[in-house]
Amino acid sequence: MRAPICFALVLCAFLSADCGEVKSRDQPTGPSPASPTAVPGGSLPDHRLPVQISSGADGSPVAGARVVINDDEYHSGPIGQVEFDPYSGATVGDKVDVDAPGFLPRRTRLTSTRLITLWPVADEAEAEAVREMVYRRGGTEDQVLKPLYPASPFYVSLLSGVTPETETIWRATAKDFGAAFNMPYEVTTRFQYDPNEMGVFLGGTPKCVPIGGWGFCRVLDSPYEDYQVQEDKALDPATIRRVLAHRFLGANPLPGLMSLRSPADQPSAFEVQTIRMILQRPLPNQWPDTDR
């Protein structure tokens, strides 16, 4: 019998190659944003250093964003920076609200990096899809996006119905899926009791009702992230990718791997971006993108 375990938050940002250094909770996935403006002949005091507003998708600066720090309103400049005069400033822990076209409204607190990343959504349809896939995953009401643990590998434990062929294809598919996120996967045949673990039963006595045409289901009466895959889908790479993606995403109302109506064989660019943003949010996060 596997006993439940308690999850502890890990503040090591996922996309860092060196997890010995604690990174910002808002670390973007792309190029580094612009550095704070240098001051000739000296440096600014910490509270007057610029605050950088960037896209979480690629690290690009977000100009023209409305930024409210505590009760003071600012707008980000051409390179995405909020700059302060000698009579204003911001310190670590201050409340920060950011609103910008093309992004979810961000509600957070300032960290020592002075970097705020925003969650891109192209339109209302994408915003609603994020709400459904991420914040309503597994239920009908808005839920809290709970952080994952990107400091360690993601484990896929094949717990029944394993053959050398199934183990090989699950290992190869998991490796390819994780490569899009620089995310290592380890496929095992023994449960690891790790918070980043999925247990997978291949075939056998039904433990749950398969989701639509996906060919698998979540075992809801398990305290773990357990899934059961239909025996005839155990070697299907698209089904394997869908099981792996379900660790992050619920059903997608837009076209993509997680679509219920006509699921694709590969994740859409929007689904990949959504998973990347989830991995940048290591604090409990409420709709829409609020973690304070």
Protein backbone atom coordinates (compact mmCIF):
# COMPACT_ATOMS: atom_id res chain seq x y z
CA MET A 1 0.00 0.00 0.00
CA ARG A 2 1.38 3.38 -1.01
CA ALA A 3 0.96 5.94 1.77
CA PRO A 4 0.09 9.59 0.90
CA ILE A 5 2.93 12.08 1.05
CA CYS A 6 3.05 15.82 1.80
CA PHE A 7 4.26 18.12 -0.92
CA ALA A 8 6.77 20.88 -0.14
CA LEU A 9 7.23 23.90 -2.37
CA VAL A 10 10.52 24.15 -4.18
CA LEU A 11 11.48 27.67 -5.30
CA CYS A 12 14.14 26.54 -7.75
CA ALA A 13 12.97 27.76 -11.16
CA PHE A 14 12.46 24.91 -13.64
CA LEU A 15 14.27 26.26 -16.64
CA SER A 16 17.56 26.89 -14.87
CA ALA A 17 20.33 24.48 -15.75
CA ASP A 18 21.80 24.88 -12.27
CA CYS A 19 19.16 24.24 -9.64
CA GLY A 20 21.58 25.02 -6.85
CA GLU A 21 20.73 28.69 -7.30
CA VAL A 22 17.27 29.91 -6.41
CA LYS A 23 15.78 31.87 -9.28
CA SER A 24 12.90 34.27 -9.59
CA ARG A 25 9.40 32.89 -9.39
CA ASP A 26 8.79 34.84 -12.58
CA GLN A 27 11.74 33.46 -14.57
CA PRO A 28 10.81 33.62 -18.28
CA THR A 29 11.51 30.79 -20.73
CA GLY A 30 13.19 32.80 -23.46
CA PRO A 31 16.02 35.31 -23.80
CA SER A 32 16.93 37.38 -20.76
CA PRO A 33 15.04 40.67 -20.54
CA ALA A 34 16.78 43.99 -20.59
CA SER A 35 18.92 44.74 -17.56
CA PRO A 36 18.10 47.69 -15.27
CA THR A 37 19.28 50.98 -16.71
CA ALA A 38 22.83 51.86 -15.75
CA VAL A 39 23.43 55.19 -14.06
CA PRO A 40 26.58 57.09 -15.16
CA GLY A 41 28.88 57.94 -12.30
CA GLY A 42 27.20 55.71 -9.73
CA SER A 43 24.36 53.33 -9.01
CA LEU A 44 20.77 53.80 -7.91
CA PRO A 45 19.61 52.76 -4.46
CA ASP A 46 17.82 49.40 -4.53
CA HIS A 47 14.32 50.85 -4.19
CA ARG A 48 14.82 53.03 -7.28
CA LEU A 49 16.11 50.29 -9.61
CA PRO A 50 13.74 49.76 -12.55
CA VAL A 51 11.14 47.00 -12.51
CA GLN A 52 11.21 44.90 -15.67
CA ILE A 53 7.95 43.76 -17.31
CA SER A 54 8.47 40.88 -19.76
CA SER A 55 6.55 38.19 -21.60
CA GLY A 56 6.85 34.80 -19.93
CA ALA A 57 6.74 33.14 -23.35
CA ASP A 58 10.03 34.45 -24.73
CA GLY A 59 11.39 37.06 -22.32
CA SER A 60 10.60 39.95 -24.67
CA PRO A 61 9.92 43.33 -23.01
CA VAL A 62 6.31 44.49 -22.64
CA ALA A 63 6.01 48.21 -23.32
CA GLY A 64 3.02 50.33 -22.33
CA ALA A 65 1.82 48.05 -19.54
CA ARG A 66 -0.17 49.69 -16.73
CA VAL A 67 1.70 48.90 -13.52
CA VAL A 68 0.37 49.71 -10.06
CA ILE A 69 2.88 49.25 -7.25
CA ASN A 70 1.08 49.57 -3.94
CA ASP A 71 -1.14 52.58 -4.79
CA ASP A 72 1.15 54.31 -7.30
CA GLU A 73 0.50 53.97 -11.03
CA TYR A 74 3.21 53.75 -13.70
CA HIS A 75 3.59 52.58 -17.30
CA SER A 76 6.41 50.43 -18.65
CA GLY A 77 8.68 52.15 -21.17
CA PRO A 78 9.90 51.06 -24.62
CA ILE A 79 12.13 48.33 -23.18
CA GLY A 80 9.52 47.18 -20.68
CA GLN A 81 10.95 48.98 -17.65
CA VAL A 82 9.18 50.94 -14.93
CA GLU A 83 11.53 53.70 -13.82
CA PHE A 84 11.29 55.84 -10.69
CA ASP A 85 12.05 59.46 -9.88
CA PRO A 86 13.93 60.52 -6.71
CA TYR A 87 10.64 60.62 -4.78
CA SER A 88 9.32 57.16 -5.69
CA GLY A 89 10.45 53.55 -5.74
CA ALA A 90 9.55 49.96 -4.90
CA THR A 91 10.94 47.39 -2.48
CA VAL A 92 10.84 43.61 -2.25
CA GLY A 93 7.40 42.42 -1.15
CA ASP A 94 5.47 45.39 -2.53
CA LYS A 95 2.16 44.59 -4.23
CA VAL A 96 2.36 44.75 -8.02
CA ASP A 97 -0.61 44.77 -10.43
CA VAL A 98 0.14 44.64 -14.16
CA ASP A 99 -2.36 44.96 -17.00
CA ALA A 100 -1.32 44.81 -20.65
CA PRO A 101 -3.12 43.90 -23.89
CA GLY A 102 -2.39 40.33 -24.97
CA PHE A 103 -1.71 39.03 -21.45
CA LEU A 104 -3.61 37.84 -18.41
CA PRO A 105 -3.77 40.46 -15.65
CA ARG A 106 -0.90 39.77 -13.24
CA ARG A 107 -1.25 40.18 -9.47
CA THR A 108 1.92 39.42 -7.53
CA ARG A 109 4.61 40.85 -5.26
CA LEU A 110 7.99 42.28 -6.19
CA THR A 111 10.97 39.96 -5.74
CA SER A 112 14.68 40.78 -5.55
CA THR A 113 15.00 40.19 -9.31
CA ARG A 114 12.63 43.10 -9.97
CA LEU A 115 11.26 41.07 -12.89
CA ILE A 116 7.54 40.47 -13.54
CA THR A 117 6.62 38.01 -16.30
CA LEU A 118 3.19 38.03 -17.95
CA TRP A 119 1.11 35.11 -19.24
CA PRO A 120 0.37 35.62 -22.96
CA VAL A 121 -3.13 35.10 -24.36
CA ALA A 122 -3.87 36.16 -27.93
CA ASP A 123 -7.59 36.75 -27.37
CA GLU A 124 -10.57 35.93 -25.16
CA ALA A 125 -10.75 32.41 -26.58
CA GLU A 126 -7.20 31.65 -25.44
CA ALA A 127 -7.84 33.24 -22.04
CA GLU A 128 -10.90 31.02 -21.57
CA ALA A 129 -8.91 27.99 -22.72
CA VAL A 130 -6.26 28.69 -20.06
CA ARG A 131 -9.02 29.00 -17.48
CA GLU A 132 -10.52 25.65 -18.53
CA MET A 133 -7.30 23.70 -19.02
CA VAL A 134 -5.38 25.03 -16.03
CA TYR A 135 -7.61 26.61 -13.40
CA ARG A 136 -10.58 24.30 -13.88
CA ARG A 137 -8.56 21.15 -14.45
CA GLY A 138 -10.44 18.29 -12.83
CA GLY A 139 -13.48 20.30 -11.72
CA THR A 140 -16.21 22.72 -12.72
CA GLU A 141 -15.27 25.59 -10.40
CA ASP A 142 -12.20 27.78 -10.56
CA GLN A 143 -9.38 26.06 -8.71
CA VAL A 144 -5.94 27.06 -7.53
CA LEU A 145 -3.06 26.24 -9.86
CA LYS A 146 -0.85 24.24 -7.54
CA PRO A 147 2.89 24.41 -8.16
CA LEU A 148 4.86 21.53 -9.58
CA TYR A 149 8.39 20.62 -8.59
CA PRO A 150 10.65 21.37 -11.56
CA ALA A 151 13.87 20.98 -9.54
CA SER A 152 13.72 17.19 -9.92
CA PRO A 153 12.91 14.82 -12.80
CA PHE A 154 9.36 13.92 -13.69
CA TYR A 155 8.77 10.24 -13.07
CA VAL A 156 6.45 7.97 -15.05
CA SER A 157 6.03 4.69 -13.16
CA LEU A 158 4.54 1.86 -15.22
CA LEU A 159 2.79 -0.20 -12.56
CA SER A 160 1.14 -3.02 -14.55
CA GLY A 161 0.93 -4.53 -18.02
CA VAL A 162 4.57 -3.69 -18.77
CA THR A 163 6.50 -5.41 -21.55
CA PRO A 164 9.95 -4.57 -22.94
CA GLU A 165 8.21 -3.00 -25.96
CA THR A 166 5.88 -0.77 -23.92
CA GLU A 167 8.71 0.33 -21.63
CA THR A 168 10.84 1.28 -24.63
CA ILE A 169 8.16 3.35 -26.36
CA TRP A 170 7.07 5.09 -23.15
CA ARG A 171 10.67 6.01 -22.40
CA ALA A 172 11.30 7.40 -25.91
CA THR A 173 8.00 9.33 -26.05
CA ALA A 174 8.51 10.84 -22.59
CA LYS A 175 12.01 11.96 -23.53
CA ASP A 176 10.74 13.68 -26.69
CA PHE A 177 7.81 15.29 -24.86
CA GLY A 178 10.05 16.69 -22.12
CA ALA A 179 12.55 18.11 -24.60
CA ALA A 180 10.12 20.92 -25.53
CA PHE A 181 10.36 22.16 -21.92
CA ASN A 182 13.94 21.16 -21.08
CA MET A 183 12.22 18.79 -18.66
CA PRO A 184 13.84 15.42 -17.84
CA TYR A 185 11.62 12.35 -17.57
CA GLU A 186 12.48 9.02 -16.00
CA VAL A 187 10.35 6.00 -16.87
CA THR A 188 10.47 3.27 -14.22
CA THR A 189 8.58 0.13 -13.26
CA ARG A 190 8.62 0.88 -9.56
CA PHE A 191 6.76 3.61 -7.69
CA GLN A 192 9.14 6.34 -6.44
CA TYR A 193 6.93 8.19 -3.92
CA ASP A 194 7.96 11.45 -5.57
CA PRO A 195 5.70 14.53 -5.88
CA ASN A 196 6.61 14.74 -9.58
CA GLU A 197 5.40 11.21 -10.29
CA MET A 198 2.66 9.69 -12.43
CA GLY A 199 1.60 6.09 -11.87
CA VAL A 200 0.36 4.34 -15.02
CA PHE A 201 -1.61 1.08 -15.24
CA LEU A 202 -1.60 -0.43 -18.73
CA GLY A 203 -4.82 -2.37 -19.30
CA GLY A 204 -6.19 -4.63 -16.57
CA THR A 205 -9.41 -4.41 -14.56
CA PRO A 206 -11.03 -0.98 -15.16
CA LYS A 207 -10.24 1.51 -12.39
CA CYS A 208 -11.95 4.50 -14.07
CA VAL A 209 -13.93 5.48 -17.17
CA PRO A 210 -11.81 6.47 -20.21
CA ILE A 211 -12.05 10.17 -21.18
CA GLY A 212 -13.83 10.61 -24.52
CA GLY A 213 -11.69 9.15 -27.27
CA TRP A 214 -8.44 9.67 -25.39
CA GLY A 215 -8.03 6.04 -24.37
CA PHE A 216 -7.11 6.68 -20.75
CA CYS A 217 -8.51 8.09 -17.51
CA ARG A 218 -7.37 9.50 -14.17
CA VAL A 219 -7.88 7.14 -11.22
CA LEU A 220 -9.79 9.56 -9.02
CA ASP A 221 -9.94 7.40 -5.88
CA SER A 222 -6.14 7.29 -5.69
CA PRO A 223 -4.24 9.83 -3.53
CA TYR A 224 -1.61 9.90 -6.27
CA GLU A 225 -1.48 11.09 -9.89
CA ASP A 226 -2.47 7.66 -11.21
CA TYR A 227 -3.78 6.87 -14.70
CA GLN A 228 -5.12 3.83 -16.47
CA VAL A 229 -4.49 3.40 -20.22
CA GLN A 230 -6.56 1.08 -22.40
CA GLU A 231 -4.57 -1.96 -23.41
CA ASP A 232 -5.05 -1.22 -27.12
CA LYS A 233 -3.59 2.30 -26.62
CA ALA A 234 -0.56 1.30 -24.54
CA LEU A 235 1.81 1.56 -27.54
CA ASP A 236 0.23 4.65 -29.16
CA PRO A 237 2.64 7.65 -28.97
CA ALA A 238 -0.21 10.20 -29.22
CA THR A 239 -1.99 8.61 -26.26
CA ILE A 240 1.26 8.53 -24.28
CA ARG A 241 1.85 12.25 -25.00
CA ARG A 242 -1.71 12.98 -23.91
CA VAL A 243 -1.21 11.16 -20.60
CA LEU A 244 1.99 13.13 -19.99
CA ALA A 245 0.29 16.43 -20.89
CA HIS A 246 -2.63 15.66 -18.55
CA ARG A 247 -0.21 16.08 -15.63
CA PHE A 248 -0.43 19.79 -16.51
CA LEU A 249 -3.58 20.33 -18.59
CA GLY A 250 -7.22 19.37 -18.61
CA ALA A 251 -9.38 19.32 -21.72
CA ASN A 252 -8.60 22.06 -24.23
CA PRO A 253 -11.63 23.78 -25.85
CA LEU A 254 -9.33 24.83 -28.72
CA PRO A 255 -7.66 22.52 -31.27
CA GLY A 256 -4.70 20.58 -29.94
CA LEU A 257 -3.46 17.40 -28.30
CA MET A 258 -5.87 17.88 -25.38
CA SER A 259 -8.96 18.58 -27.50
CA LEU A 260 -11.89 16.28 -26.74
CA ARG A 261 -13.61 16.76 -30.10
CA SER A 262 -10.71 15.99 -32.43
CA PRO A 263 -7.46 15.50 -30.53
CA ALA A 264 -4.25 16.08 -32.47
CA ASP A 265 -1.25 13.79 -32.26
CA GLN A 266 1.08 16.54 -31.05
CA PRO A 267 0.70 19.47 -28.60
CA SER A 268 -0.26 22.77 -30.22
CA ALA A 269 2.02 25.79 -29.84
CA PHE A 270 -0.58 27.24 -27.46
CA GLU A 271 -0.53 24.08 -25.29
CA VAL A 272 3.28 24.11 -25.19
CA GLN A 273 3.24 27.78 -24.15
CA THR A 274 0.65 27.04 -21.44
CA ILE A 275 2.77 24.27 -19.92
CA ARG A 276 5.81 26.55 -19.97
CA MET A 277 3.88 29.21 -18.07
CA ILE A 278 2.67 26.66 -15.50
CA LEU A 279 6.30 25.76 -14.86
CA GLN A 280 7.06 29.45 -14.16
CA ARG A 281 4.49 29.64 -11.37
CA PRO A 282 5.93 27.86 -8.30
CA LEU A 283 3.50 29.55 -5.89
CA PRO A 284 -0.22 28.69 -5.53
CA ASN A 285 -1.87 30.74 -8.24
CA GLN A 286 -5.50 31.77 -8.64
CA TRP A 287 -7.32 32.77 -11.79
CA PRO A 288 -6.31 34.96 -13.50
CA ASP A 289 -2.57 34.68 -12.65
CA THR A 290 -2.67 35.88 -9.03
CA ASP A 291 -0.18 34.56 -6.48
CA ARG A 292 -0.32 36.92 -3.54
